[in-house]
Amino acid sequence: MFSSTQNSSPTCKIIEIPPGLIENGKTLLIETHYELFINDYHFSRPSHFITQNHGLCLVDTQQNDFTSNTYCHELNSHNYDYSLFELIIEFPAESLNGGKSVMIERIYSNEEKKLSGNFEDLYNIEHLNESAETKFIHIKVPQELIEGGKTIVINKNNISIKNSIDYYKEVAYHLGNNKFSKRDHLQSKNMMEMIIALPPELFCNDHKIIFRKEDSQIIAANFPYHRQSKHDIQLTRRDNLNHDQKLSLDKFFSNRIWHPMLLNDTHLLKLSLYLNNQPNIRNQDQIKLIIDQQYIRVETKNNEDFNIYQEILVPDIIKLDQLKYEFDEKNRYFNIMIPLQ
């Protein structure tokens, strides 16, 4: 459950993790959550989550019905969302079970451009009850590191800061595509893992992220008769969509080549196609956009001819008659903007 407390800052987003999920071998994901109506159809992304509030949701990446392909470690250069800031923390489950809370915040002044804070106390589980000061773990991230495409990894013996694509190539090399490898790796180290993957702009208003163990007594007081499961919630919220439409939307919003993103309070859909592997494409005149019913096709110019570069099928409920597009020459993205009614 996500909640706020009377003595916490209004800019704090608090993630309360159910006790059953705090165990070694677990990988939990915190990411932005979208709920929207597209032409009178309801859709949520991700479609399967544990809890959500404040625009964030908690996902257990090992649950059987988890369908997002972003963090399942079938990793290659097309599978990562380059627009996110990502922090990956390995720590023993005893630290949260012992009452520690972890805060991630942005700082503006850090000449060495390094993380700071007392995050090493995450691993001092033998001294959990000796000092109240170590109950709150601060992870302070310099402004320069909170940008899309950065992955910061914290574990007991090392901190690494890498471009996300380089990090995931290394992970793919070591773990391969065996979906159980990560869990086995964490269990052998008596660790669990938290992946916090957020748009950099979430920190623009000095928002802070706090995660901690859920208080079962507070939950029981607030929900004395029934705590609705995520399965029940999804059935209730999404009964306007038939099975084929659900699959189509889920697959569309999980696409990591076109990076679908919702903007302007879900009134605008943005598709971003990365052209960094097309070094000869320097301006928009060398790119052609073709709409064929619900297909969007991008062609790039090689020598004198245009050839198909990428194509995507857009669900029928997303109308393409008012889309606009532009080529971001600096960052090498071809961006397509589609208004949503």
C-alpha atoms as a PDB file:
ATOM      1  CA  MET A   1       0.000   0.000   0.000  1.00  0.00           C
ATOM      2  CA  PHE A   2       1.113   3.558  -0.677  1.00  0.00           C
ATOM      3  CA  SER A   3       0.362   6.184   1.934  1.00  0.00           C
ATOM      4  CA  SER A   4       1.413   9.517   3.333  1.00  0.00           C
ATOM      5  CA  THR A   5       1.922  10.395   6.980  1.00  0.00           C
ATOM      6  CA  GLN A   6       1.160  13.564   8.862  1.00  0.00           C
ATOM      7  CA  ASN A   7       4.802  14.139   9.796  1.00  0.00           C
ATOM      8  CA  SER A   8       6.240  13.532   6.328  1.00  0.00           C
ATOM      9  CA  SER A   9       6.918  16.134   3.677  1.00  0.00           C
ATOM     10  CA  PRO A  10       4.134  16.591   1.095  1.00  0.00           C
ATOM     11  CA  THR A  11       6.762  15.954  -1.592  1.00  0.00           C
ATOM     12  CA  CYS A  12       7.515  12.464  -0.248  1.00  0.00           C
ATOM     13  CA  LYS A  13       6.095   9.503  -2.115  1.00  0.00           C
ATOM     14  CA  ILE A  14       5.962   6.593   0.314  1.00  0.00           C
ATOM     15  CA  ILE A  15       6.002   3.008  -0.940  1.00  0.00           C
ATOM     16  CA  GLU A  16       4.884   0.515   1.682  1.00  0.00           C
ATOM     17  CA  ILE A  17       5.880  -3.032   0.809  1.00  0.00           C
ATOM     18  CA  PRO A  18       3.665  -5.902   2.020  1.00  0.00           C
ATOM     19  CA  PRO A  19       5.576  -8.150   4.463  1.00  0.00           C
ATOM     20  CA  GLY A  20       5.112 -11.202   2.227  1.00  0.00           C
ATOM     21  CA  LEU A  21       7.222  -9.579  -0.484  1.00  0.00           C
ATOM     22  CA  ILE A  22      10.185  -8.726   1.747  1.00  0.00           C
ATOM     23  CA  GLU A  23      12.333 -11.822   1.397  1.00  0.00           C
ATOM     24  CA  ASN A  24      15.714 -12.726  -0.020  1.00  0.00           C
ATOM     25  CA  GLY A  25      15.621 -13.696  -3.679  1.00  0.00           C
ATOM     26  CA  LYS A  26      12.847 -11.224  -4.523  1.00  0.00           C
ATOM     27  CA  THR A  27      13.146  -8.540  -7.191  1.00  0.00           C
ATOM     28  CA  LEU A  28      10.623  -5.726  -6.737  1.00  0.00           C
ATOM     29  CA  LEU A  29      10.051  -2.910  -9.213  1.00  0.00           C
ATOM     30  CA  ILE A  30       8.802   0.613  -8.543  1.00  0.00           C
ATOM     31  CA  GLU A  31       7.708   2.429 -11.685  1.00  0.00           C
ATOM     32  CA  THR A  32       5.244   5.034 -12.890  1.00  0.00           C
ATOM     33  CA  HIS A  33       1.632   3.928 -13.211  1.00  0.00           C
ATOM     34  CA  TYR A  34      -0.840   5.081 -15.848  1.00  0.00           C
ATOM     35  CA  GLU A  35      -4.604   4.880 -15.817  1.00  0.00           C
ATOM     36  CA  LEU A  36      -6.445   6.322 -18.763  1.00  0.00           C
ATOM     37  CA  PHE A  37      -9.464   6.110 -20.999  1.00  0.00           C
ATOM     38  CA  ILE A  38      -8.854   5.928 -24.726  1.00  0.00           C
ATOM     39  CA  ASN A  39     -12.058   6.475 -26.703  1.00  0.00           C
ATOM     40  CA  ASP A  40     -14.155   5.260 -23.744  1.00  0.00           C
ATOM     41  CA  TYR A  41     -12.005   2.186 -23.107  1.00  0.00           C
ATOM     42  CA  HIS A  42     -10.174   1.860 -19.813  1.00  0.00           C
ATOM     43  CA  PHE A  43      -6.529   0.831 -19.712  1.00  0.00           C
ATOM     44  CA  SER A  44      -3.873   0.577 -16.988  1.00  0.00           C
ATOM     45  CA  ARG A  45      -0.135   0.166 -17.342  1.00  0.00           C
ATOM     46  CA  PRO A  46       1.384  -1.976 -16.050  1.00  0.00           C
ATOM     47  CA  SER A  47      -1.633  -4.241 -16.115  1.00  0.00           C
ATOM     48  CA  HIS A  48      -0.473  -6.342 -13.146  1.00  0.00           C
ATOM     49  CA  PHE A  49       0.793  -4.707  -9.998  1.00  0.00           C
ATOM     50  CA  ILE A  50       0.733  -5.164  -6.234  1.00  0.00           C
ATOM     51  CA  THR A  51      -0.258  -1.663  -5.119  1.00  0.00           C
ATOM     52  CA  GLN A  52      -0.348   1.804  -6.642  1.00  0.00           C
ATOM     53  CA  ASN A  53      -0.807   5.403  -5.579  1.00  0.00           C
ATOM     54  CA  HIS A  54       0.746   8.823  -6.155  1.00  0.00           C
ATOM     55  CA  GLY A  55       1.398   7.872  -9.783  1.00  0.00           C
ATOM     56  CA  LEU A  56       3.724   5.016  -8.788  1.00  0.00           C
ATOM     57  CA  CYS A  57       3.169   1.293  -8.500  1.00  0.00           C
ATOM     58  CA  LEU A  58       4.921  -1.689  -6.955  1.00  0.00           C
ATOM     59  CA  VAL A  59       5.413  -4.781  -9.108  1.00  0.00           C
ATOM     60  CA  ASP A  60       6.667  -8.218  -8.136  1.00  0.00           C
ATOM     61  CA  THR A  61       8.639  -9.229 -11.223  1.00  0.00           C
ATOM     62  CA  GLN A  62       8.454 -12.914 -10.273  1.00  0.00           C
ATOM     63  CA  GLN A  63       4.686 -13.183 -10.032  1.00  0.00           C
ATOM     64  CA  ASN A  64       3.282 -15.656 -12.529  1.00  0.00           C
ATOM     65  CA  ASP A  65       1.099 -13.129 -14.331  1.00  0.00           C
ATOM     66  CA  PHE A  66       3.738 -10.404 -14.712  1.00  0.00           C
ATOM     67  CA  THR A  67       3.815  -9.664 -18.453  1.00  0.00           C
ATOM     68  CA  SER A  68       6.064  -6.615 -18.864  1.00  0.00           C
ATOM     69  CA  ASN A  69       9.258  -7.453 -20.747  1.00  0.00           C
ATOM     70  CA  THR A  70      11.204  -4.492 -19.438  1.00  0.00           C
ATOM     71  CA  TYR A  71      12.896  -6.161 -16.477  1.00  0.00           C
ATOM     72  CA  CYS A  72      12.689  -9.897 -17.178  1.00  0.00           C
ATOM     73  CA  HIS A  73      16.335  -9.922 -18.301  1.00  0.00           C
ATOM     74  CA  GLU A  74      15.688 -10.980 -21.882  1.00  0.00           C
ATOM     75  CA  LEU A  75      18.130  -8.208 -22.500  1.00  0.00           C
ATOM     76  CA  ASN A  76      19.362  -6.602 -25.678  1.00  0.00           C
ATOM     77  CA  SER A  77      19.908  -3.105 -27.006  1.00  0.00           C
ATOM     78  CA  HIS A  78      16.250  -2.691 -28.028  1.00  0.00           C
ATOM     79  CA  ASN A  79      14.689  -3.807 -24.763  1.00  0.00           C
ATOM     80  CA  TYR A  80      15.413  -0.840 -22.541  1.00  0.00           C
ATOM     81  CA  ASP A  81      13.531   2.428 -22.099  1.00  0.00           C
ATOM     82  CA  TYR A  82      16.235   5.088 -22.552  1.00  0.00           C
ATOM     83  CA  SER A  83      14.122   7.844 -20.981  1.00  0.00           C
ATOM     84  CA  LEU A  84      14.215   6.509 -17.400  1.00  0.00           C
ATOM     85  CA  PHE A  85      16.428   7.156 -14.417  1.00  0.00           C
ATOM     86  CA  GLU A  86      17.065   3.834 -12.711  1.00  0.00           C
ATOM     87  CA  LEU A  87      18.394   2.923  -9.288  1.00  0.00           C
ATOM     88  CA  ILE A  88      18.985  -0.735  -8.427  1.00  0.00           C
ATOM     89  CA  ILE A  89      19.616  -1.613  -4.772  1.00  0.00           C
ATOM     90  CA  GLU A  90      20.636  -5.006  -3.429  1.00  0.00           C
ATOM     91  CA  PHE A  91      20.095  -5.411   0.301  1.00  0.00           C
ATOM     92  CA  PRO A  92      19.209  -8.098   2.861  1.00  0.00           C
ATOM     93  CA  ALA A  93      15.503  -8.496   3.553  1.00  0.00           C
ATOM     94  CA  GLU A  94      16.259  -8.264   7.287  1.00  0.00           C
ATOM     95  CA  SER A  95      16.939  -4.542   6.898  1.00  0.00           C
ATOM     96  CA  LEU A  96      13.336  -3.689   5.971  1.00  0.00           C
ATOM     97  CA  ASN A  97      11.925  -6.358   8.264  1.00  0.00           C
ATOM     98  CA  GLY A  98      13.976  -4.750  11.051  1.00  0.00           C
ATOM     99  CA  GLY A  99      12.261  -1.401  10.550  1.00  0.00           C
ATOM    100  CA  LYS A 100      14.600   0.497   8.257  1.00  0.00           C
ATOM    101  CA  SER A 101      13.187   2.969   5.726  1.00  0.00           C
ATOM    102  CA  VAL A 102      15.065   4.130   2.635  1.00  0.00           C
ATOM    103  CA  MET A 103      14.799   7.630   1.152  1.00  0.00           C
ATOM    104  CA  ILE A 104      16.057   8.576  -2.316  1.00  0.00           C
ATOM    105  CA  GLU A 105      16.441  12.293  -2.907  1.00  0.00           C
ATOM    106  CA  ARG A 106      18.102  14.660  -5.341  1.00  0.00           C
ATOM    107  CA  ILE A 107      20.888  17.031  -4.331  1.00  0.00           C
ATOM    108  CA  TYR A 108      22.190  19.930  -6.396  1.00  0.00           C
ATOM    109  CA  SER A 109      25.744  20.395  -5.149  1.00  0.00           C
ATOM    110  CA  ASN A 110      28.167  17.511  -5.446  1.00  0.00           C
ATOM    111  CA  GLU A 111      31.482  18.279  -7.128  1.00  0.00           C
ATOM    112  CA  GLU A 112      32.508  14.622  -7.344  1.00  0.00           C
ATOM    113  CA  LYS A 113      29.162  13.641  -8.891  1.00  0.00           C
ATOM    114  CA  LYS A 114      28.910  10.646  -6.563  1.00  0.00           C
ATOM    115  CA  LEU A 115      26.140   9.203  -4.441  1.00  0.00           C
ATOM    116  CA  SER A 116      26.226  10.189  -0.791  1.00  0.00           C
ATOM    117  CA  GLY A 117      24.343   9.238   2.335  1.00  0.00           C
ATOM    118  CA  ASN A 118      24.435   6.438   4.881  1.00  0.00           C
ATOM    119  CA  PHE A 119      23.330   3.659   2.540  1.00  0.00           C
ATOM    120  CA  GLU A 120      26.032   1.353   3.938  1.00  0.00           C
ATOM    121  CA  ASP A 121      23.761   1.017   6.991  1.00  0.00           C
ATOM    122  CA  LEU A 122      21.452  -1.108   4.830  1.00  0.00           C
ATOM    123  CA  TYR A 123      23.930  -3.931   5.334  1.00  0.00           C
ATOM    124  CA  ASN A 124      24.527  -3.501   9.096  1.00  0.00           C
ATOM    125  CA  ILE A 125      21.698  -5.833  10.043  1.00  0.00           C
ATOM    126  CA  GLU A 126      23.511  -7.067  13.166  1.00  0.00           C
ATOM    127  CA  HIS A 127      23.171  -3.554  14.663  1.00  0.00           C
ATOM    128  CA  LEU A 128      19.545  -2.932  13.699  1.00  0.00           C
ATOM    129  CA  ASN A 129      18.334  -2.197  17.210  1.00  0.00           C
ATOM    130  CA  GLU A 130      21.341  -0.322  18.540  1.00  0.00           C
ATOM    131  CA  SER A 131      20.684   3.143  17.130  1.00  0.00           C
ATOM    132  CA  ALA A 132      17.542   4.920  16.005  1.00  0.00           C
ATOM    133  CA  GLU A 133      19.634   7.056  13.662  1.00  0.00           C
ATOM    134  CA  THR A 134      20.432   4.089  11.434  1.00  0.00           C
ATOM    135  CA  LYS A 135      16.742   3.327  10.977  1.00  0.00           C
ATOM    136  CA  PHE A 136      16.487   5.880   8.172  1.00  0.00           C
ATOM    137  CA  ILE A 137      18.727   5.312   5.162  1.00  0.00           C
ATOM    138  CA  HIS A 138      19.428   8.323   2.944  1.00  0.00           C
ATOM    139  CA  ILE A 139      20.547   7.887  -0.652  1.00  0.00           C
ATOM    140  CA  LYS A 140      21.408  11.304  -2.092  1.00  0.00           C
ATOM    141  CA  VAL A 141      21.745  11.444  -5.874  1.00  0.00           C
ATOM    142  CA  PRO A 142      23.440  14.415  -7.608  1.00  0.00           C
ATOM    143  CA  GLN A 143      21.341  16.245 -10.174  1.00  0.00           C
ATOM    144  CA  GLU A 144      23.775  15.275 -12.933  1.00  0.00           C
ATOM    145  CA  LEU A 145      23.065  11.573 -12.415  1.00  0.00           C
ATOM    146  CA  ILE A 146      19.274  11.900 -12.537  1.00  0.00           C
ATOM    147  CA  GLU A 147      18.886  11.732 -16.263  1.00  0.00           C
ATOM    148  CA  GLY A 148      17.451   9.288 -18.743  1.00  0.00           C
ATOM    149  CA  GLY A 149      19.588   6.326 -19.659  1.00  0.00           C
ATOM    150  CA  LYS A 150      21.554   6.124 -16.391  1.00  0.00           C
ATOM    151  CA  THR A 151      21.574   3.023 -14.186  1.00  0.00           C
ATOM    152  CA  ILE A 152      23.016   3.246 -10.668  1.00  0.00           C
ATOM    153  CA  VAL A 153      23.636  -0.035  -8.849  1.00  0.00           C
ATOM    154  CA  ILE A 154      24.229  -0.212  -5.090  1.00  0.00           C
ATOM    155  CA  ASN A 155      25.318  -3.418  -3.409  1.00  0.00           C
ATOM    156  CA  LYS A 156      27.268  -4.294  -0.298  1.00  0.00           C
ATOM    157  CA  ASN A 157      30.733  -4.068  -1.813  1.00  0.00           C
ATOM    158  CA  ASN A 158      30.368  -1.745  -4.765  1.00  0.00           C
ATOM    159  CA  ILE A 159      28.546   1.188  -6.371  1.00  0.00           C
ATOM    160  CA  SER A 160      28.471   1.483 -10.149  1.00  0.00           C
ATOM    161  CA  ILE A 161      27.085   4.223 -12.385  1.00  0.00           C
ATOM    162  CA  LYS A 162      26.715   3.263 -16.025  1.00  0.00           C
ATOM    163  CA  ASN A 163      24.758   3.995 -19.151  1.00  0.00           C
ATOM    164  CA  SER A 164      21.754   1.710 -18.961  1.00  0.00           C
ATOM    165  CA  ILE A 165      22.377  -0.036 -22.244  1.00  0.00           C
ATOM    166  CA  ASP A 166      25.938  -0.925 -21.182  1.00  0.00           C
ATOM    167  CA  TYR A 167      24.762  -2.190 -17.811  1.00  0.00           C
ATOM    168  CA  TYR A 168      22.089  -4.440 -19.289  1.00  0.00           C
ATOM    169  CA  LYS A 169      24.449  -5.844 -21.882  1.00  0.00           C
ATOM    170  CA  GLU A 170      26.729  -6.922 -19.038  1.00  0.00           C
ATOM    171  CA  VAL A 171      23.823  -8.427 -17.103  1.00  0.00           C
ATOM    172  CA  ALA A 172      22.652 -10.300 -20.202  1.00  0.00           C
ATOM    173  CA  TYR A 173      26.147 -11.680 -20.693  1.00  0.00           C
ATOM    174  CA  HIS A 174      26.380 -12.959 -17.118  1.00  0.00           C
ATOM    175  CA  LEU A 175      22.839 -14.190 -16.584  1.00  0.00           C
ATOM    176  CA  GLY A 176      21.656 -15.028 -20.078  1.00  0.00           C
ATOM    177  CA  ASN A 177      17.918 -15.426 -20.640  1.00  0.00           C
ATOM    178  CA  ASN A 178      17.260 -17.848 -17.771  1.00  0.00           C
ATOM    179  CA  LYS A 179      14.474 -16.115 -15.850  1.00  0.00           C
ATOM    180  CA  PHE A 180      15.450 -17.928 -12.647  1.00  0.00           C
ATOM    181  CA  SER A 181      19.100 -16.878 -12.721  1.00  0.00           C
ATOM    182  CA  LYS A 182      18.560 -13.527 -11.024  1.00  0.00           C
ATOM    183  CA  ARG A 183      16.582 -15.055  -8.177  1.00  0.00           C
ATOM    184  CA  ASP A 184      19.190 -17.750  -7.628  1.00  0.00           C
ATOM    185  CA  HIS A 185      21.922 -15.107  -7.674  1.00  0.00           C
ATOM    186  CA  LEU A 186      20.149 -13.035  -4.999  1.00  0.00           C
ATOM    187  CA  GLN A 187      19.363 -16.029  -2.815  1.00  0.00           C
ATOM    188  CA  SER A 188      22.983 -17.158  -2.866  1.00  0.00           C
ATOM    189  CA  LYS A 189      23.950 -13.705  -1.520  1.00  0.00           C
ATOM    190  CA  ASN A 190      21.027 -13.575   0.977  1.00  0.00           C
ATOM    191  CA  MET A 191      19.782 -10.416  -0.725  1.00  0.00           C
ATOM    192  CA  MET A 192      16.647  -9.015  -2.280  1.00  0.00           C
ATOM    193  CA  GLU A 193      16.602  -6.333  -4.969  1.00  0.00           C
ATOM    194  CA  MET A 194      14.666  -3.136  -5.505  1.00  0.00           C
ATOM    195  CA  ILE A 195      14.552  -1.576  -8.969  1.00  0.00           C
ATOM    196  CA  ILE A 196      13.347   2.038  -8.992  1.00  0.00           C
ATOM    197  CA  ALA A 197      12.751   3.121 -12.591  1.00  0.00           C
ATOM    198  CA  LEU A 198      11.305   6.617 -12.911  1.00  0.00           C
ATOM    199  CA  PRO A 199      11.214   9.545 -15.341  1.00  0.00           C
ATOM    200  CA  PRO A 200      13.819  12.148 -14.285  1.00  0.00           C
ATOM    201  CA  GLU A 201      11.149  14.850 -14.166  1.00  0.00           C
ATOM    202  CA  LEU A 202       9.609  13.215 -11.080  1.00  0.00           C
ATOM    203  CA  PHE A 203      12.443  14.778  -9.067  1.00  0.00           C
ATOM    204  CA  CYS A 204      11.987  18.245 -10.595  1.00  0.00           C
ATOM    205  CA  ASN A 205       9.874  19.481  -7.671  1.00  0.00           C
ATOM    206  CA  ASP A 206      12.226  17.978  -5.090  1.00  0.00           C
ATOM    207  CA  HIS A 207      10.075  14.906  -4.703  1.00  0.00           C
ATOM    208  CA  LYS A 208      11.583  12.189  -2.534  1.00  0.00           C
ATOM    209  CA  ILE A 209      10.947   8.455  -2.720  1.00  0.00           C
ATOM    210  CA  ILE A 210      10.684   6.443   0.508  1.00  0.00           C
ATOM    211  CA  PHE A 211      10.182   2.715   0.702  1.00  0.00           C
ATOM    212  CA  ARG A 212       9.524   0.781   3.895  1.00  0.00           C
ATOM    213  CA  LYS A 213       7.692  -2.241   5.271  1.00  0.00           C
ATOM    214  CA  GLU A 214       3.913  -2.061   5.310  1.00  0.00           C
ATOM    215  CA  ASP A 215       2.331  -1.760   8.765  1.00  0.00           C
ATOM    216  CA  SER A 216      -0.169  -4.636   8.933  1.00  0.00           C
ATOM    217  CA  GLN A 217      -1.997  -3.088  11.917  1.00  0.00           C
ATOM    218  CA  ILE A 218      -2.719   0.113   9.986  1.00  0.00           C
ATOM    219  CA  ILE A 219      -3.910  -1.938   7.002  1.00  0.00           C
ATOM    220  CA  ALA A 220      -6.248  -3.952   9.214  1.00  0.00           C
ATOM    221  CA  ALA A 221      -7.668  -0.757  10.733  1.00  0.00           C
ATOM    222  CA  ASN A 222      -8.277   0.847   7.344  1.00  0.00           C
ATOM    223  CA  PHE A 223      -9.645  -2.290   5.676  1.00  0.00           C
ATOM    224  CA  PRO A 224     -11.339  -4.271   8.479  1.00  0.00           C
ATOM    225  CA  TYR A 225     -13.506  -6.452   6.227  1.00  0.00           C
ATOM    226  CA  HIS A 226     -11.845  -6.936   2.875  1.00  0.00           C
ATOM    227  CA  ARG A 227      -8.644  -5.903   1.182  1.00  0.00           C
ATOM    228  CA  GLN A 228      -9.288  -6.127  -2.542  1.00  0.00           C
ATOM    229  CA  SER A 229      -6.668  -8.100  -4.390  1.00  0.00           C
ATOM    230  CA  LYS A 230      -4.935  -6.763  -7.480  1.00  0.00           C
ATOM    231  CA  HIS A 231      -6.730  -9.462  -9.496  1.00  0.00           C
ATOM    232  CA  ASP A 232     -10.131  -8.254  -8.288  1.00  0.00           C
ATOM    233  CA  ILE A 233      -9.159  -4.633  -8.969  1.00  0.00           C
ATOM    234  CA  GLN A 234      -8.088  -5.416 -12.508  1.00  0.00           C
ATOM    235  CA  LEU A 235     -11.287  -7.336 -13.266  1.00  0.00           C
ATOM    236  CA  THR A 236     -13.358  -4.435 -11.955  1.00  0.00           C
ATOM    237  CA  ARG A 237     -11.454  -1.652 -13.658  1.00  0.00           C
ATOM    238  CA  ARG A 238     -10.936  -3.243 -17.027  1.00  0.00           C
ATOM    239  CA  ASP A 239     -14.186  -5.057 -17.737  1.00  0.00           C
ATOM    240  CA  ASN A 240     -14.832  -2.631 -20.621  1.00  0.00           C
ATOM    241  CA  LEU A 241     -12.089  -4.320 -22.650  1.00  0.00           C
ATOM    242  CA  ASN A 242     -12.466  -7.708 -24.282  1.00  0.00           C
ATOM    243  CA  HIS A 243      -9.613 -10.197 -24.155  1.00  0.00           C
ATOM    244  CA  ASP A 244      -8.117  -9.352 -27.548  1.00  0.00           C
ATOM    245  CA  GLN A 245      -8.121  -5.612 -26.810  1.00  0.00           C
ATOM    246  CA  LYS A 246      -6.385  -6.186 -23.463  1.00  0.00           C
ATOM    247  CA  LEU A 247      -3.614  -8.184 -25.104  1.00  0.00           C
ATOM    248  CA  SER A 248      -3.238  -5.643 -27.870  1.00  0.00           C
ATOM    249  CA  LEU A 249      -2.927  -2.683 -25.478  1.00  0.00           C
ATOM    250  CA  ASP A 250      -0.600  -4.493 -23.092  1.00  0.00           C
ATOM    251  CA  LYS A 251       1.684  -5.524 -25.923  1.00  0.00           C
ATOM    252  CA  PHE A 252       1.609  -2.034 -27.447  1.00  0.00           C
ATOM    253  CA  PHE A 253       2.557  -0.200 -24.232  1.00  0.00           C
ATOM    254  CA  SER A 254       5.292  -2.734 -23.465  1.00  0.00           C
ATOM    255  CA  ASN A 255       7.081  -2.016 -26.745  1.00  0.00           C
ATOM    256  CA  ARG A 256      10.685  -0.954 -26.033  1.00  0.00           C
ATOM    257  CA  ILE A 257      11.606  -0.013 -29.591  1.00  0.00           C
ATOM    258  CA  TRP A 258       9.005   2.769 -29.901  1.00  0.00           C
ATOM    259  CA  HIS A 259       8.841   3.648 -26.163  1.00  0.00           C
ATOM    260  CA  PRO A 260       5.113   4.571 -25.833  1.00  0.00           C
ATOM    261  CA  MET A 261       4.652   7.270 -23.181  1.00  0.00           C
ATOM    262  CA  LEU A 262       1.649   9.202 -21.916  1.00  0.00           C
ATOM    263  CA  LEU A 263       1.939  12.986 -21.527  1.00  0.00           C
ATOM    264  CA  ASN A 264      -0.266  15.940 -20.520  1.00  0.00           C
ATOM    265  CA  ASP A 265      -2.257  13.992 -17.940  1.00  0.00           C
ATOM    266  CA  THR A 266      -2.731  11.071 -20.347  1.00  0.00           C
ATOM    267  CA  HIS A 267      -4.203  13.262 -23.103  1.00  0.00           C
ATOM    268  CA  LEU A 268      -1.245  12.793 -25.421  1.00  0.00           C
ATOM    269  CA  LEU A 269       0.551   9.653 -26.568  1.00  0.00           C
ATOM    270  CA  LYS A 270       4.211   9.959 -27.536  1.00  0.00           C
ATOM    271  CA  LEU A 271       6.130   7.387 -29.577  1.00  0.00           C
ATOM    272  CA  SER A 272       9.911   7.796 -29.708  1.00  0.00           C
ATOM    273  CA  LEU A 273      11.956   5.841 -32.222  1.00  0.00           C
ATOM    274  CA  TYR A 274      15.696   5.884 -31.532  1.00  0.00           C
ATOM    275  CA  LEU A 275      17.833   6.380 -34.667  1.00  0.00           C
ATOM    276  CA  ASN A 276      21.292   6.281 -33.125  1.00  0.00           C
ATOM    277  CA  ASN A 277      22.180   3.270 -35.273  1.00  0.00           C
ATOM    278  CA  GLN A 278      21.390   5.320 -38.405  1.00  0.00           C
ATOM    279  CA  PRO A 279      24.357   7.756 -38.405  1.00  0.00           C
ATOM    280  CA  ASN A 280      23.677   8.978 -41.944  1.00  0.00           C
ATOM    281  CA  ILE A 281      20.228  10.307 -40.972  1.00  0.00           C
ATOM    282  CA  ARG A 282      20.805  13.950 -40.069  1.00  0.00           C
ATOM    283  CA  ASN A 283      17.497  15.738 -40.728  1.00  0.00           C
ATOM    284  CA  GLN A 284      13.799  15.102 -41.089  1.00  0.00           C
ATOM    285  CA  ASP A 285      13.928  15.163 -44.892  1.00  0.00           C
ATOM    286  CA  GLN A 286      15.644  11.799 -44.746  1.00  0.00           C
ATOM    287  CA  ILE A 287      12.732  10.246 -42.827  1.00  0.00           C
ATOM    288  CA  LYS A 288       9.348   9.300 -44.216  1.00  0.00           C
ATOM    289  CA  LEU A 289       6.269   8.505 -42.109  1.00  0.00           C
ATOM    290  CA  ILE A 290       3.584   6.294 -43.657  1.00  0.00           C
ATOM    291  CA  ILE A 291       0.168   5.502 -42.127  1.00  0.00           C
ATOM    292  CA  ASP A 292      -1.512   2.353 -43.435  1.00  0.00           C
ATOM    293  CA  GLN A 293      -4.759   1.834 -41.537  1.00  0.00           C
ATOM    294  CA  GLN A 294      -3.468   1.153 -37.974  1.00  0.00           C
ATOM    295  CA  TYR A 295       0.137   0.609 -38.997  1.00  0.00           C
ATOM    296  CA  ILE A 296       2.761   3.324 -38.508  1.00  0.00           C
ATOM    297  CA  ARG A 297       5.804   2.792 -40.677  1.00  0.00           C
ATOM    298  CA  VAL A 298       8.999   4.830 -40.641  1.00  0.00           C
ATOM    299  CA  GLU A 299      11.322   4.720 -43.639  1.00  0.00           C
ATOM    300  CA  THR A 300      14.828   6.152 -43.781  1.00  0.00           C
ATOM    301  CA  LYS A 301      16.738   7.286 -46.837  1.00  0.00           C
ATOM    302  CA  ASN A 302      19.791   5.338 -47.916  1.00  0.00           C
ATOM    303  CA  ASN A 303      21.539   6.845 -50.915  1.00  0.00           C
ATOM    304  CA  GLU A 304      18.596   7.716 -53.190  1.00  0.00           C
ATOM    305  CA  ASP A 305      15.969   5.288 -51.935  1.00  0.00           C
ATOM    306  CA  PHE A 306      13.790   5.042 -48.837  1.00  0.00           C
ATOM    307  CA  ASN A 307      13.749   1.706 -47.015  1.00  0.00           C
ATOM    308  CA  ILE A 308      11.604   0.455 -44.134  1.00  0.00           C
ATOM    309  CA  TYR A 309      13.295   1.096 -40.779  1.00  0.00           C
ATOM    310  CA  GLN A 310      10.591   0.183 -38.223  1.00  0.00           C
ATOM    311  CA  GLU A 311       6.873  -0.533 -38.209  1.00  0.00           C
ATOM    312  CA  ILE A 312       4.331  -0.826 -35.408  1.00  0.00           C
ATOM    313  CA  LEU A 313       0.683  -1.842 -35.240  1.00  0.00           C
ATOM    314  CA  VAL A 314      -1.351   0.628 -33.147  1.00  0.00           C
ATOM    315  CA  PRO A 315      -4.523  -0.670 -31.413  1.00  0.00           C
ATOM    316  CA  ASP A 316      -7.789   0.281 -33.144  1.00  0.00           C
ATOM    317  CA  ILE A 317      -8.972   2.425 -30.238  1.00  0.00           C
ATOM    318  CA  ILE A 318      -6.066   4.845 -30.814  1.00  0.00           C
ATOM    319  CA  LYS A 319      -6.972   7.172 -33.684  1.00  0.00           C
ATOM    320  CA  LEU A 320      -4.169   8.333 -35.968  1.00  0.00           C
ATOM    321  CA  ASP A 321      -5.892  11.121 -37.888  1.00  0.00           C
ATOM    322  CA  GLN A 322      -4.368  14.004 -35.873  1.00  0.00           C
ATOM    323  CA  LEU A 323      -0.837  12.818 -35.207  1.00  0.00           C
ATOM    324  CA  LYS A 324       2.206  15.083 -35.554  1.00  0.00           C
ATOM    325  CA  TYR A 325       5.879  14.204 -35.778  1.00  0.00           C
ATOM    326  CA  GLU A 326       9.366  15.690 -35.571  1.00  0.00           C
ATOM    327  CA  PHE A 327      12.990  14.562 -35.660  1.00  0.00           C
ATOM    328  CA  ASP A 328      15.068  15.465 -32.613  1.00  0.00           C
ATOM    329  CA  GLU A 329      18.439  15.891 -34.323  1.00  0.00           C
ATOM    330  CA  LYS A 330      20.381  16.372 -31.084  1.00  0.00           C
ATOM    331  CA  ASN A 331      19.185  13.216 -29.310  1.00  0.00           C
ATOM    332  CA  ARG A 332      18.434  11.318 -32.545  1.00  0.00           C
ATOM    333  CA  TYR A 333      14.832  10.460 -31.737  1.00  0.00           C
ATOM    334  CA  PHE A 334      11.969  10.510 -34.232  1.00  0.00           C
ATOM    335  CA  ASN A 335       8.995  11.561 -32.090  1.00  0.00           C
ATOM    336  CA  ILE A 336       5.346  10.997 -32.959  1.00  0.00           C
ATOM    337  CA  MET A 337       2.621  12.769 -30.960  1.00  0.00           C
ATOM    338  CA  ILE A 338      -0.956  11.379 -31.019  1.00  0.00           C
ATOM    339  CA  PRO A 339      -3.812  13.209 -29.227  1.00  0.00           C
ATOM    340  CA  LEU A 340      -6.082  10.951 -27.161  1.00  0.00           C
ATOM    341  CA  GLN A 341      -9.768  11.784 -26.776  1.00  0.00           C
END
